[in-house]
PDB file of N, CA and C in Angstrom:
ATOM      1  N   MET A   1      -3.187   0.637 -11.654  1.00  0.00           N
ATOM      2  CA  MET A   1      -4.444  -0.057 -11.778  1.00  0.00           C
ATOM      3  C   MET A   1      -5.128   0.432 -13.035  1.00  0.00           C
ATOM      4  N   ALA A   2      -5.620  -0.462 -13.824  1.00  0.00           N
ATOM      5  CA  ALA A   2      -6.260  -0.119 -15.081  1.00  0.00           C
ATOM      6  C   ALA A   2      -7.618   0.507 -14.827  1.00  0.00           C
ATOM      7  N   ALA A   3      -8.078   1.325 -15.781  1.00  0.00           N
ATOM      8  CA  ALA A   3      -9.332   2.041 -15.630  1.00  0.00           C
ATOM      9  C   ALA A   3     -10.515   1.099 -15.496  1.00  0.00           C
ATOM     10  N   GLY A   4     -10.434  -0.103 -16.013  1.00  0.00           N
ATOM     11  CA  GLY A   4     -11.556  -1.019 -15.983  1.00  0.00           C
ATOM     12  C   GLY A   4     -11.583  -1.941 -14.781  1.00  0.00           C
ATOM     13  N   ASP A   5     -10.649  -1.809 -13.843  1.00  0.00           N
ATOM     14  CA  ASP A   5     -10.593  -2.693 -12.686  1.00  0.00           C
ATOM     15  C   ASP A   5     -11.800  -2.481 -11.781  1.00  0.00           C
ATOM     16  N   ASN A   6     -12.293  -3.566 -11.211  1.00  0.00           N
ATOM     17  CA  ASN A   6     -13.436  -3.489 -10.323  1.00  0.00           C
ATOM     18  C   ASN A   6     -13.101  -2.815  -9.008  1.00  0.00           C
ATOM     19  N   ASP A   7     -11.827  -2.799  -8.600  1.00  0.00           N
ATOM     20  CA  ASP A   7     -11.432  -2.212  -7.331  1.00  0.00           C
ATOM     21  C   ASP A   7     -11.464  -0.690  -7.346  1.00  0.00           C
ATOM     22  N   THR A   8     -11.526  -0.062  -8.524  1.00  0.00           N
ATOM     23  CA  THR A   8     -11.523   1.387  -8.610  1.00  0.00           C
ATOM     24  C   THR A   8     -12.849   1.916  -8.112  1.00  0.00           C
ATOM     25  N   GLN A   9     -12.821   2.761  -7.100  1.00  0.00           N
ATOM     26  CA  GLN A   9     -14.026   3.348  -6.541  1.00  0.00           C
ATOM     27  C   GLN A   9     -14.284   4.689  -7.216  1.00  0.00           C
ATOM     28  N   THR A  10     -15.524   4.919  -7.660  1.00  0.00           N
ATOM     29  CA  THR A  10     -15.890   6.199  -8.248  1.00  0.00           C
ATOM     30  C   THR A  10     -16.758   6.936  -7.254  1.00  0.00           C
ATOM     31  N   LEU A  11     -16.404   8.171  -6.982  1.00  0.00           N
ATOM     32  CA  LEU A  11     -17.148   8.982  -6.039  1.00  0.00           C
ATOM     33  C   LEU A  11     -18.351   9.596  -6.728  1.00  0.00           C
ATOM     34  N   SER A  12     -19.219  10.250  -5.938  1.00  0.00           N
ATOM     35  CA  SER A  12     -20.476  10.763  -6.469  1.00  0.00           C
ATOM     36  C   SER A  12     -20.278  11.787  -7.589  1.00  0.00           C
ATOM     37  N   ASP A  13     -19.175  12.498  -7.616  1.00  0.00           N
ATOM     38  CA  ASP A  13     -18.949  13.479  -8.678  1.00  0.00           C
ATOM     39  C   ASP A  13     -18.235  12.871  -9.883  1.00  0.00           C
ATOM     40  N   GLY A  14     -18.095  11.521  -9.915  1.00  0.00           N
ATOM     41  CA  GLY A  14     -17.476  10.850 -11.046  1.00  0.00           C
ATOM     42  C   GLY A  14     -15.966  10.760 -10.942  1.00  0.00           C
ATOM     43  N   MET A  15     -15.385  11.328  -9.913  1.00  0.00           N
ATOM     44  CA  MET A  15     -13.933  11.324  -9.737  1.00  0.00           C
ATOM     45  C   MET A  15     -13.548  10.076  -8.951  1.00  0.00           C
ATOM     46  N   SER A  16     -12.507   9.382  -9.385  1.00  0.00           N
ATOM     47  CA  SER A  16     -12.060   8.197  -8.657  1.00  0.00           C
ATOM     48  C   SER A  16     -11.313   8.636  -7.403  1.00  0.00           C
ATOM     49  N   PHE A  17     -11.177   7.685  -6.476  1.00  0.00           N
ATOM     50  CA  PHE A  17     -10.452   7.936  -5.239  1.00  0.00           C
ATOM     51  C   PHE A  17      -9.024   8.385  -5.538  1.00  0.00           C
ATOM     52  N   GLU A  18      -8.380   7.697  -6.500  1.00  0.00           N
ATOM     53  CA  GLU A  18      -7.001   8.040  -6.854  1.00  0.00           C
ATOM     54  C   GLU A  18      -6.907   9.457  -7.425  1.00  0.00           C
ATOM     55  N   GLU A  19      -7.904   9.841  -8.242  1.00  0.00           N
ATOM     56  CA  GLU A  19      -7.896  11.193  -8.817  1.00  0.00           C
ATOM     57  C   GLU A  19      -8.071  12.247  -7.737  1.00  0.00           C
ATOM     58  N   MET A  20      -8.946  11.954  -6.755  1.00  0.00           N
ATOM     59  CA  MET A  20      -9.151  12.907  -5.671  1.00  0.00           C
ATOM     60  C   MET A  20      -7.864  13.083  -4.868  1.00  0.00           C
ATOM     61  N   LEU A  21      -7.198  11.950  -4.564  1.00  0.00           N
ATOM     62  CA  LEU A  21      -5.943  12.044  -3.823  1.00  0.00           C
ATOM     63  C   LEU A  21      -4.886  12.780  -4.627  1.00  0.00           C
ATOM     64  N   ALA A  22      -4.864  12.570  -5.946  1.00  0.00           N
ATOM     65  CA  ALA A  22      -3.904  13.274  -6.801  1.00  0.00           C
ATOM     66  C   ALA A  22      -4.170  14.777  -6.760  1.00  0.00           C
ATOM     67  N   ASP A  23      -5.452  15.169  -6.760  1.00  0.00           N
ATOM     68  CA  ASP A  23      -5.786  16.592  -6.677  1.00  0.00           C
ATOM     69  C   ASP A  23      -5.300  17.192  -5.366  1.00  0.00           C
ATOM     70  N   VAL A  24      -5.496  16.452  -4.271  1.00  0.00           N
ATOM     71  CA  VAL A  24      -5.036  16.927  -2.972  1.00  0.00           C
ATOM     72  C   VAL A  24      -3.524  17.058  -2.982  1.00  0.00           C
ATOM     73  N   ASP A  25      -2.841  16.069  -3.608  1.00  0.00           N
ATOM     74  CA  ASP A  25      -1.386  16.065  -3.670  1.00  0.00           C
ATOM     75  C   ASP A  25      -0.849  17.258  -4.454  1.00  0.00           C
ATOM     76  N   LYS A  26      -1.632  17.796  -5.377  1.00  0.00           N
ATOM     77  CA  LYS A  26      -1.177  18.917  -6.200  1.00  0.00           C
ATOM     78  C   LYS A  26      -1.171  20.237  -5.443  1.00  0.00           C
ATOM     79  N   GLY A  27      -1.578  20.202  -4.188  1.00  0.00           N
ATOM     80  CA  GLY A  27      -1.522  21.429  -3.408  1.00  0.00           C
ATOM     81  C   GLY A  27      -2.831  22.181  -3.371  1.00  0.00           C
ATOM     82  N   ASP A  28      -3.941  21.564  -3.778  1.00  0.00           N
ATOM     83  CA  ASP A  28      -5.217  22.248  -3.750  1.00  0.00           C
ATOM     84  C   ASP A  28      -5.600  22.668  -2.336  1.00  0.00           C
ATOM     85  N   LEU A  29      -5.205  21.870  -1.323  1.00  0.00           N
ATOM     86  CA  LEU A  29      -5.506  22.245   0.049  1.00  0.00           C
ATOM     87  C   LEU A  29      -4.819  23.545   0.415  1.00  0.00           C
ATOM     88  N   ALA A  30      -3.568  23.706   0.000  1.00  0.00           N
ATOM     89  CA  ALA A  30      -2.828  24.926   0.309  1.00  0.00           C
ATOM     90  C   ALA A  30      -3.446  26.122  -0.396  1.00  0.00           C
ATOM     91  N   ALA A  31      -4.024  25.905  -1.571  1.00  0.00           N
ATOM     92  CA  ALA A  31      -4.617  26.993  -2.335  1.00  0.00           C
ATOM     93  C   ALA A  31      -6.008  27.344  -1.816  1.00  0.00           C
ATOM     94  N   GLY A  32      -6.544  26.558  -0.880  1.00  0.00           N
ATOM     95  CA  GLY A  32      -7.846  26.844  -0.327  1.00  0.00           C
ATOM     96  C   GLY A  32      -8.996  26.292  -1.157  1.00  0.00           C
ATOM     97  N   GLU A  33      -8.712  25.556  -2.218  1.00  0.00           N
ATOM     98  CA  GLU A  33      -9.769  25.032  -3.074  1.00  0.00           C
ATOM     99  C   GLU A  33     -10.444  23.814  -2.464  1.00  0.00           C
ATOM    100  N   LYS A  34      -9.760  23.067  -1.629  1.00  0.00           N
ATOM    101  CA  LYS A  34     -10.316  21.875  -0.991  1.00  0.00           C
ATOM    102  C   LYS A  34      -9.985  21.946   0.492  1.00  0.00           C
ATOM    103  N   SER A  35     -10.796  21.228   1.267  1.00  0.00           N
ATOM    104  CA  SER A  35     -10.514  21.158   2.695  1.00  0.00           C
ATOM    105  C   SER A  35     -10.592  19.697   3.120  1.00  0.00           C
ATOM    106  N   ALA A  36     -10.216  19.438   4.357  1.00  0.00           N
ATOM    107  CA  ALA A  36     -10.249  18.068   4.859  1.00  0.00           C
ATOM    108  C   ALA A  36     -11.657  17.494   4.799  1.00  0.00           C
ATOM    109  N   SER A  37     -12.669  18.329   4.965  1.00  0.00           N
ATOM    110  CA  SER A  37     -14.045  17.835   4.920  1.00  0.00           C
ATOM    111  C   SER A  37     -14.421  17.337   3.526  1.00  0.00           C
ATOM    112  N   ASP A  38     -13.744  17.818   2.487  1.00  0.00           N
ATOM    113  CA  ASP A  38     -13.997  17.334   1.127  1.00  0.00           C
ATOM    114  C   ASP A  38     -13.606  15.871   0.968  1.00  0.00           C
ATOM    115  N   LEU A  39     -12.726  15.384   1.814  1.00  0.00           N
ATOM    116  CA  LEU A  39     -12.287  13.989   1.739  1.00  0.00           C
ATOM    117  C   LEU A  39     -13.188  13.041   2.520  1.00  0.00           C
ATOM    118  N   GLU A  40     -14.152  13.570   3.276  1.00  0.00           N
ATOM    119  CA  GLU A  40     -15.018  12.719   4.078  1.00  0.00           C
ATOM    120  C   GLU A  40     -15.723  11.664   3.238  1.00  0.00           C
ATOM    121  N   ALA A  41     -15.994  11.948   1.987  1.00  0.00           N
ATOM    122  CA  ALA A  41     -16.680  10.998   1.110  1.00  0.00           C
ATOM    123  C   ALA A  41     -15.886   9.718   0.918  1.00  0.00           C
ATOM    124  N   VAL A  42     -14.580   9.762   1.096  1.00  0.00           N
ATOM    125  CA  VAL A  42     -13.745   8.574   0.868  1.00  0.00           C
ATOM    126  C   VAL A  42     -13.306   7.898   2.163  1.00  0.00           C
ATOM    127  N   PHE A  43     -13.670   8.424   3.308  1.00  0.00           N
ATOM    128  CA  PHE A  43     -13.223   7.850   4.576  1.00  0.00           C
ATOM    129  C   PHE A  43     -13.685   6.417   4.762  1.00  0.00           C
ATOM    130  N   ASP A  44     -14.842   6.034   4.242  1.00  0.00           N
ATOM    131  CA  ASP A  44     -15.371   4.691   4.419  1.00  0.00           C
ATOM    132  C   ASP A  44     -15.140   3.788   3.222  1.00  0.00           C
ATOM    133  N   VAL A  45     -14.366   4.246   2.229  1.00  0.00           N
ATOM    134  CA  VAL A  45     -14.077   3.420   1.057  1.00  0.00           C
ATOM    135  C   VAL A  45     -13.068   2.347   1.474  1.00  0.00           C
ATOM    136  N   PRO A  46     -13.436   1.069   1.311  1.00  0.00           N
ATOM    137  CA  PRO A  46     -12.494   0.007   1.710  1.00  0.00           C
ATOM    138  C   PRO A  46     -11.322  -0.080   0.731  1.00  0.00           C
ATOM    139  N   VAL A  47     -10.135  -0.279   1.273  1.00  0.00           N
ATOM    140  CA  VAL A  47      -8.935  -0.463   0.456  1.00  0.00           C
ATOM    141  C   VAL A  47      -8.214  -1.709   0.950  1.00  0.00           C
ATOM    142  N   ARG A  48      -7.404  -2.298   0.078  1.00  0.00           N
ATOM    143  CA  ARG A  48      -6.612  -3.469   0.439  1.00  0.00           C
ATOM    144  C   ARG A  48      -5.187  -3.005   0.727  1.00  0.00           C
ATOM    145  N   LEU A  49      -4.729  -3.237   1.945  1.00  0.00           N
ATOM    146  CA  LEU A  49      -3.382  -2.857   2.367  1.00  0.00           C
ATOM    147  C   LEU A  49      -2.515  -4.105   2.389  1.00  0.00           C
ATOM    148  N   SER A  50      -1.376  -4.052   1.697  1.00  0.00           N
ATOM    149  CA  SER A  50      -0.440  -5.176   1.665  1.00  0.00           C
ATOM    150  C   SER A  50       0.928  -4.691   2.099  1.00  0.00           C
ATOM    151  N   VAL A  51       1.581  -5.484   2.924  1.00  0.00           N
ATOM    152  CA  VAL A  51       2.934  -5.189   3.376  1.00  0.00           C
ATOM    153  C   VAL A  51       3.824  -6.310   2.860  1.00  0.00           C
ATOM    154  N   VAL A  52       4.791  -5.961   2.032  1.00  0.00           N
ATOM    155  CA  VAL A  52       5.640  -6.963   1.393  1.00  0.00           C
ATOM    156  C   VAL A  52       7.007  -6.973   2.072  1.00  0.00           C
ATOM    157  N   LEU A  53       7.297  -8.071   2.739  1.00  0.00           N
ATOM    158  CA  LEU A  53       8.589  -8.235   3.414  1.00  0.00           C
ATOM    159  C   LEU A  53       9.693  -8.519   2.422  1.00  0.00           C
ATOM    160  N   GLY A  54       9.363  -9.192   1.345  1.00  0.00           N
ATOM    161  CA  GLY A  54      10.334  -9.555   0.323  1.00  0.00           C
ATOM    162  C   GLY A  54       9.704 -10.532  -0.638  1.00  0.00           C
ATOM    163  N   ARG A  55      10.461 -10.881  -1.666  1.00  0.00           N
ATOM    164  CA  ARG A  55       9.977 -11.801  -2.692  1.00  0.00           C
ATOM    165  C   ARG A  55      11.069 -12.808  -3.020  1.00  0.00           C
ATOM    166  N   THR A  56      10.639 -13.903  -3.609  1.00  0.00           N
ATOM    167  CA  THR A  56      11.572 -14.896  -4.108  1.00  0.00           C
ATOM    168  C   THR A  56      10.897 -15.686  -5.221  1.00  0.00           C
ATOM    169  N   LYS A  57      11.689 -16.326  -6.045  1.00  0.00           N
ATOM    170  CA  LYS A  57      11.176 -17.216  -7.082  1.00  0.00           C
ATOM    171  C   LYS A  57      11.755 -18.585  -6.829  1.00  0.00           C
ATOM    172  N   MET A  58      10.923 -19.605  -7.038  1.00  0.00           N
ATOM    173  CA  MET A  58      11.402 -20.973  -6.887  1.00  0.00           C
ATOM    174  C   MET A  58      10.566 -21.890  -7.767  1.00  0.00           C
ATOM    175  N   PRO A  59      11.149 -22.990  -8.187  1.00  0.00           N
ATOM    176  CA  PRO A  59      10.382 -23.958  -8.977  1.00  0.00           C
ATOM    177  C   PRO A  59       9.336 -24.652  -8.096  1.00  0.00           C
ATOM    178  N   VAL A  60       8.273 -25.102  -8.718  1.00  0.00           N
ATOM    179  CA  VAL A  60       7.199 -25.788  -8.001  1.00  0.00           C
ATOM    180  C   VAL A  60       7.741 -27.006  -7.252  1.00  0.00           C
ATOM    181  N   ALA A  61       8.693 -27.705  -7.841  1.00  0.00           N
ATOM    182  CA  ALA A  61       9.260 -28.892  -7.185  1.00  0.00           C
ATOM    183  C   ALA A  61       9.850 -28.535  -5.823  1.00  0.00           C
ATOM    184  N   LYS A  62      10.547 -27.402  -5.732  1.00  0.00           N
ATOM    185  CA  LYS A  62      11.138 -26.983  -4.461  1.00  0.00           C
ATOM    186  C   LYS A  62      10.039 -26.560  -3.481  1.00  0.00           C
ATOM    187  N   LEU A  63       9.018 -25.908  -3.998  1.00  0.00           N
ATOM    188  CA  LEU A  63       7.890 -25.499  -3.165  1.00  0.00           C
ATOM    189  C   LEU A  63       7.213 -26.716  -2.531  1.00  0.00           C
ATOM    190  N   LEU A  64       7.052 -27.779  -3.306  1.00  0.00           N
ATOM    191  CA  LEU A  64       6.409 -28.989  -2.806  1.00  0.00           C
ATOM    192  C   LEU A  64       7.259 -29.730  -1.781  1.00  0.00           C
ATOM    193  N   GLN A  65       8.565 -29.473  -1.767  1.00  0.00           N
ATOM    194  CA  GLN A  65       9.458 -30.118  -0.807  1.00  0.00           C
ATOM    195  C   GLN A  65       9.478 -29.390   0.541  1.00  0.00           C
ATOM    196  N   MET A  66       8.835 -28.236   0.628  1.00  0.00           N
ATOM    197  CA  MET A  66       8.865 -27.448   1.866  1.00  0.00           C
ATOM    198  C   MET A  66       8.113 -28.155   2.979  1.00  0.00           C
ATOM    199  N   ASP A  67       8.600 -27.949   4.194  1.00  0.00           N
ATOM    200  CA  ASP A  67       7.988 -28.538   5.370  1.00  0.00           C
ATOM    201  C   ASP A  67       8.106 -27.529   6.512  1.00  0.00           C
ATOM    202  N   ILE A  68       7.530 -27.843   7.637  1.00  0.00           N
ATOM    203  CA  ILE A  68       7.642 -26.970   8.805  1.00  0.00           C
ATOM    204  C   ILE A  68       9.119 -26.749   9.109  1.00  0.00           C
ATOM    205  N   GLY A  69       9.505 -25.504   9.296  1.00  0.00           N
ATOM    206  CA  GLY A  69      10.890 -25.171   9.598  1.00  0.00           C
ATOM    207  C   GLY A  69      11.729 -24.821   8.390  1.00  0.00           C
ATOM    208  N   THR A  70      11.186 -24.982   7.184  1.00  0.00           N
ATOM    209  CA  THR A  70      11.924 -24.620   5.975  1.00  0.00           C
ATOM    210  C   THR A  70      12.126 -23.104   5.944  1.00  0.00           C
ATOM    211  N   VAL A  71      13.329 -22.693   5.631  1.00  0.00           N
ATOM    212  CA  VAL A  71      13.646 -21.266   5.533  1.00  0.00           C
ATOM    213  C   VAL A  71      13.572 -20.849   4.074  1.00  0.00           C
ATOM    214  N   VAL A  72      12.849 -19.785   3.822  1.00  0.00           N
ATOM    215  CA  VAL A  72      12.727 -19.231   2.472  1.00  0.00           C
ATOM    216  C   VAL A  72      13.493 -17.914   2.441  1.00  0.00           C
ATOM    217  N   GLU A  73      14.530 -17.865   1.600  1.00  0.00           N
ATOM    218  CA  GLU A  73      15.314 -16.640   1.483  1.00  0.00           C
ATOM    219  C   GLU A  73      14.565 -15.633   0.630  1.00  0.00           C
ATOM    220  N   LEU A  74      14.509 -14.388   1.102  1.00  0.00           N
ATOM    221  CA  LEU A  74      13.850 -13.314   0.374  1.00  0.00           C
ATOM    222  C   LEU A  74      14.892 -12.394  -0.239  1.00  0.00           C
ATOM    223  N   ASP A  75      14.444 -11.486  -1.090  1.00  0.00           N
ATOM    224  CA  ASP A  75      15.355 -10.586  -1.791  1.00  0.00           C
ATOM    225  C   ASP A  75      15.707  -9.334  -0.988  1.00  0.00           C
ATOM    226  N   ARG A  76      15.450  -9.344   0.294  1.00  0.00           N
ATOM    227  CA  ARG A  76      15.734  -8.193   1.149  1.00  0.00           C
ATOM    228  C   ARG A  76      16.731  -8.558   2.234  1.00  0.00           C
ATOM    229  N   GLN A  77      17.443  -7.545   2.713  1.00  0.00           N
ATOM    230  CA  GLN A  77      18.381  -7.718   3.812  1.00  0.00           C
ATOM    231  C   GLN A  77      17.667  -7.386   5.124  1.00  0.00           C
ATOM    232  N   VAL A  78      18.148  -7.928   6.241  1.00  0.00           N
ATOM    233  CA  VAL A  78      17.611  -7.591   7.555  1.00  0.00           C
ATOM    234  C   VAL A  78      17.779  -6.088   7.765  1.00  0.00           C
ATOM    235  N   GLY A  79      16.731  -5.430   8.194  1.00  0.00           N
ATOM    236  CA  GLY A  79      16.776  -3.996   8.440  1.00  0.00           C
ATOM    237  C   GLY A  79      16.421  -3.142   7.239  1.00  0.00           C
ATOM    238  N   GLU A  80      16.321  -3.755   6.061  1.00  0.00           N
ATOM    239  CA  GLU A  80      15.952  -3.012   4.852  1.00  0.00           C
ATOM    240  C   GLU A  80      14.466  -2.666   4.901  1.00  0.00           C
ATOM    241  N   ALA A  81      14.109  -1.526   4.338  1.00  0.00           N
ATOM    242  CA  ALA A  81      12.720  -1.077   4.346  1.00  0.00           C
ATOM    243  C   ALA A  81      11.820  -2.066   3.616  1.00  0.00           C
ATOM    244  N   ILE A  82      10.591  -2.190   4.106  1.00  0.00           N
ATOM    245  CA  ILE A  82       9.593  -3.036   3.457  1.00  0.00           C
ATOM    246  C   ILE A  82       8.649  -2.150   2.656  1.00  0.00           C
ATOM    247  N   ASP A  83       7.963  -2.739   1.675  1.00  0.00           N
ATOM    248  CA  ASP A  83       7.058  -1.987   0.813  1.00  0.00           C
ATOM    249  C   ASP A  83       5.633  -2.075   1.339  1.00  0.00           C
ATOM    250  N   ILE A  84       4.921  -0.955   1.291  1.00  0.00           N
ATOM    251  CA  ILE A  84       3.526  -0.880   1.713  1.00  0.00           C
ATOM    252  C   ILE A  84       2.699  -0.488   0.496  1.00  0.00           C
ATOM    253  N   TYR A  85       1.746  -1.346   0.160  1.00  0.00           N
ATOM    254  CA  TYR A  85       0.895  -1.123  -1.011  1.00  0.00           C
ATOM    255  C   TYR A  85      -0.546  -0.874  -0.570  1.00  0.00           C
ATOM    256  N   VAL A  86      -1.231   0.021  -1.260  1.00  0.00           N
ATOM    257  CA  VAL A  86      -2.672   0.194  -1.110  1.00  0.00           C
ATOM    258  C   VAL A  86      -3.277  -0.093  -2.470  1.00  0.00           C
ATOM    259  N   ASN A  87      -4.165  -1.092  -2.521  1.00  0.00           N
ATOM    260  CA  ASN A  87      -4.768  -1.526  -3.784  1.00  0.00           C
ATOM    261  C   ASN A  87      -3.715  -1.754  -4.864  1.00  0.00           C
ATOM    262  N   ASP A  88      -2.676  -2.492  -4.523  1.00  0.00           N
ATOM    263  CA  ASP A  88      -1.604  -2.873  -5.449  1.00  0.00           C
ATOM    264  C   ASP A  88      -0.769  -1.702  -5.939  1.00  0.00           C
ATOM    265  N   ARG A  89      -0.824  -0.565  -5.271  1.00  0.00           N
ATOM    266  CA  ARG A  89      -0.029   0.602  -5.648  1.00  0.00           C
ATOM    267  C   ARG A  89       0.936   0.918  -4.506  1.00  0.00           C
ATOM    268  N   LEU A  90       2.229   0.990  -4.816  1.00  0.00           N
ATOM    269  CA  LEU A  90       3.231   1.297  -3.802  1.00  0.00           C
ATOM    270  C   LEU A  90       3.003   2.722  -3.294  1.00  0.00           C
ATOM    271  N   VAL A  91       2.741   2.860  -1.978  1.00  0.00           N
ATOM    272  CA  VAL A  91       2.470   4.176  -1.413  1.00  0.00           C
ATOM    273  C   VAL A  91       3.477   4.586  -0.350  1.00  0.00           C
ATOM    274  N   ALA A  92       4.173   3.601   0.233  1.00  0.00           N
ATOM    275  CA  ALA A  92       5.097   3.954   1.315  1.00  0.00           C
ATOM    276  C   ALA A  92       6.095   2.828   1.538  1.00  0.00           C
ATOM    277  N   ARG A  93       7.114   3.145   2.325  1.00  0.00           N
ATOM    278  CA  ARG A  93       8.065   2.144   2.807  1.00  0.00           C
ATOM    279  C   ARG A  93       8.094   2.271   4.325  1.00  0.00           C
ATOM    280  N   GLY A  94       8.439   1.183   4.972  1.00  0.00           N
ATOM    281  CA  GLY A  94       8.430   1.218   6.420  1.00  0.00           C
ATOM    282  C   GLY A  94       9.289   0.144   7.018  1.00  0.00           C
ATOM    283  N   GLU A  95       9.100  -0.043   8.318  1.00  0.00           N
ATOM    284  CA  GLU A  95       9.849  -1.087   9.015  1.00  0.00           C
ATOM    285  C   GLU A  95       8.923  -1.815   9.981  1.00  0.00           C
ATOM    286  N   ILE A  96       9.272  -3.049  10.263  1.00  0.00           N
ATOM    287  CA  ILE A  96       8.489  -3.898  11.150  1.00  0.00           C
ATOM    288  C   ILE A  96       8.697  -3.453  12.593  1.00  0.00           C
ATOM    289  N   VAL A  97       7.604  -3.402  13.352  1.00  0.00           N
ATOM    290  CA  VAL A  97       7.672  -3.079  14.777  1.00  0.00           C
ATOM    291  C   VAL A  97       6.848  -4.109  15.538  1.00  0.00           C
ATOM    292  N   LEU A  98       7.101  -4.230  16.816  1.00  0.00           N
ATOM    293  CA  LEU A  98       6.348  -5.122  17.681  1.00  0.00           C
ATOM    294  C   LEU A  98       5.463  -4.265  18.570  1.00  0.00           C
ATOM    295  N   VAL A  99       4.144  -4.504  18.518  1.00  0.00           N
ATOM    296  CA  VAL A  99       3.187  -3.725  19.296  1.00  0.00           C
ATOM    297  C   VAL A  99       2.348  -4.692  20.124  1.00  0.00           C
ATOM    298  N   GLU A 100       2.570  -4.685  21.421  1.00  0.00           N
ATOM    299  CA  GLU A 100       1.819  -5.547  22.342  1.00  0.00           C
ATOM    300  C   GLU A 100       1.792  -7.004  21.879  1.00  0.00           C
ATOM    301  N   GLY A 101       2.952  -7.520  21.494  1.00  0.00           N
ATOM    302  CA  GLY A 101       3.070  -8.908  21.098  1.00  0.00           C
ATOM    303  C   GLY A 101       2.624  -9.210  19.677  1.00  0.00           C
ATOM    304  N   ARG A 102       2.257  -8.190  18.913  1.00  0.00           N
ATOM    305  CA  ARG A 102       1.840  -8.378  17.519  1.00  0.00           C
ATOM    306  C   ARG A 102       2.770  -7.609  16.598  1.00  0.00           C
ATOM    307  N   LEU A 103       2.912  -8.141  15.383  1.00  0.00           N
ATOM    308  CA  LEU A 103       3.718  -7.430  14.395  1.00  0.00           C
ATOM    309  C   LEU A 103       2.942  -6.246  13.851  1.00  0.00           C
ATOM    310  N   GLY A 104       3.648  -5.177  13.595  1.00  0.00           N
ATOM    311  CA  GLY A 104       3.050  -3.995  12.991  1.00  0.00           C
ATOM    312  C   GLY A 104       4.049  -3.373  12.029  1.00  0.00           C
ATOM    313  N   VAL A 105       3.637  -2.303  11.393  1.00  0.00           N
ATOM    314  CA  VAL A 105       4.493  -1.601  10.441  1.00  0.00           C
ATOM    315  C   VAL A 105       4.431  -0.114  10.750  1.00  0.00           C
ATOM    316  N   THR A 106       5.575   0.507  10.769  1.00  0.00           N
ATOM    317  CA  THR A 106       5.615   1.959  10.887  1.00  0.00           C
ATOM    318  C   THR A 106       6.134   2.531   9.579  1.00  0.00           C
ATOM    319  N   MET A 107       5.454   3.531   9.048  1.00  0.00           N
ATOM    320  CA  MET A 107       5.883   4.120   7.774  1.00  0.00           C
ATOM    321  C   MET A 107       7.063   5.042   8.012  1.00  0.00           C
ATOM    322  N   THR A 108       8.078   4.888   7.193  1.00  0.00           N
ATOM    323  CA  THR A 108       9.266   5.739   7.303  1.00  0.00           C
ATOM    324  C   THR A 108       9.422   6.651   6.091  1.00  0.00           C
ATOM    325  N   GLU A 109       8.703   6.330   5.004  1.00  0.00           N
ATOM    326  CA  GLU A 109       8.827   7.105   3.772  1.00  0.00           C
ATOM    327  C   GLU A 109       7.517   7.009   2.996  1.00  0.00           C
ATOM    328  N   ILE A 110       6.992   8.141   2.563  1.00  0.00           N
ATOM    329  CA  ILE A 110       5.806   8.170   1.709  1.00  0.00           C
ATOM    330  C   ILE A 110       6.283   8.288   0.259  1.00  0.00           C
ATOM    331  N   ILE A 111       5.738   7.452  -0.617  1.00  0.00           N
ATOM    332  CA  ILE A 111       6.110   7.471  -2.031  1.00  0.00           C
ATOM    333  C   ILE A 111       5.117   8.358  -2.774  1.00  0.00           C
ATOM    334  N   LYS A 112       5.606   9.405  -3.393  1.00  0.00           N
ATOM    335  CA  LYS A 112       4.731  10.291  -4.166  1.00  0.00           C
ATOM    336  C   LYS A 112       4.341   9.629  -5.480  1.00  0.00           C
ATOM    337  N   ALA A 113       3.073   9.812  -5.856  1.00  0.00           N
ATOM    338  CA  ALA A 113       2.603   9.268  -7.134  1.00  0.00           C
ATOM    339  C   ALA A 113       3.325   9.974  -8.258  1.00  0.00           C
ATOM    340  N   GLY A 114       3.759   9.190  -9.234  1.00  0.00           N
ATOM    341  CA  GLY A 114       4.554   9.769 -10.302  1.00  0.00           C
ATOM    342  C   GLY A 114       3.908   9.822 -11.607  1.00  0.00           C
TER     343      GLY A 114
END
């Protein structure tokens, strides 16, 4: 996400949410410099969570021919991990689960920021 994006939240000390999480990821909690209570400031920050089952490309003409029951092939295999994004940033991979008749996602892998 670019520095000028409107979705970037800046905390009261001028540090963005992503920077705070990066600091936590660096092991500051283990060093005793930060605690879980230091993150309370970001608990109510809204984020956009997206779960991507797969992708495909098609010409507009084919898209316009779609009707109820049309099958769209995706670039993933059955059973392959799905991508979980927070604010357009890949953060984890997971798999689809059924919870009380609704679809859900369980995380199987956390992606470290690089």
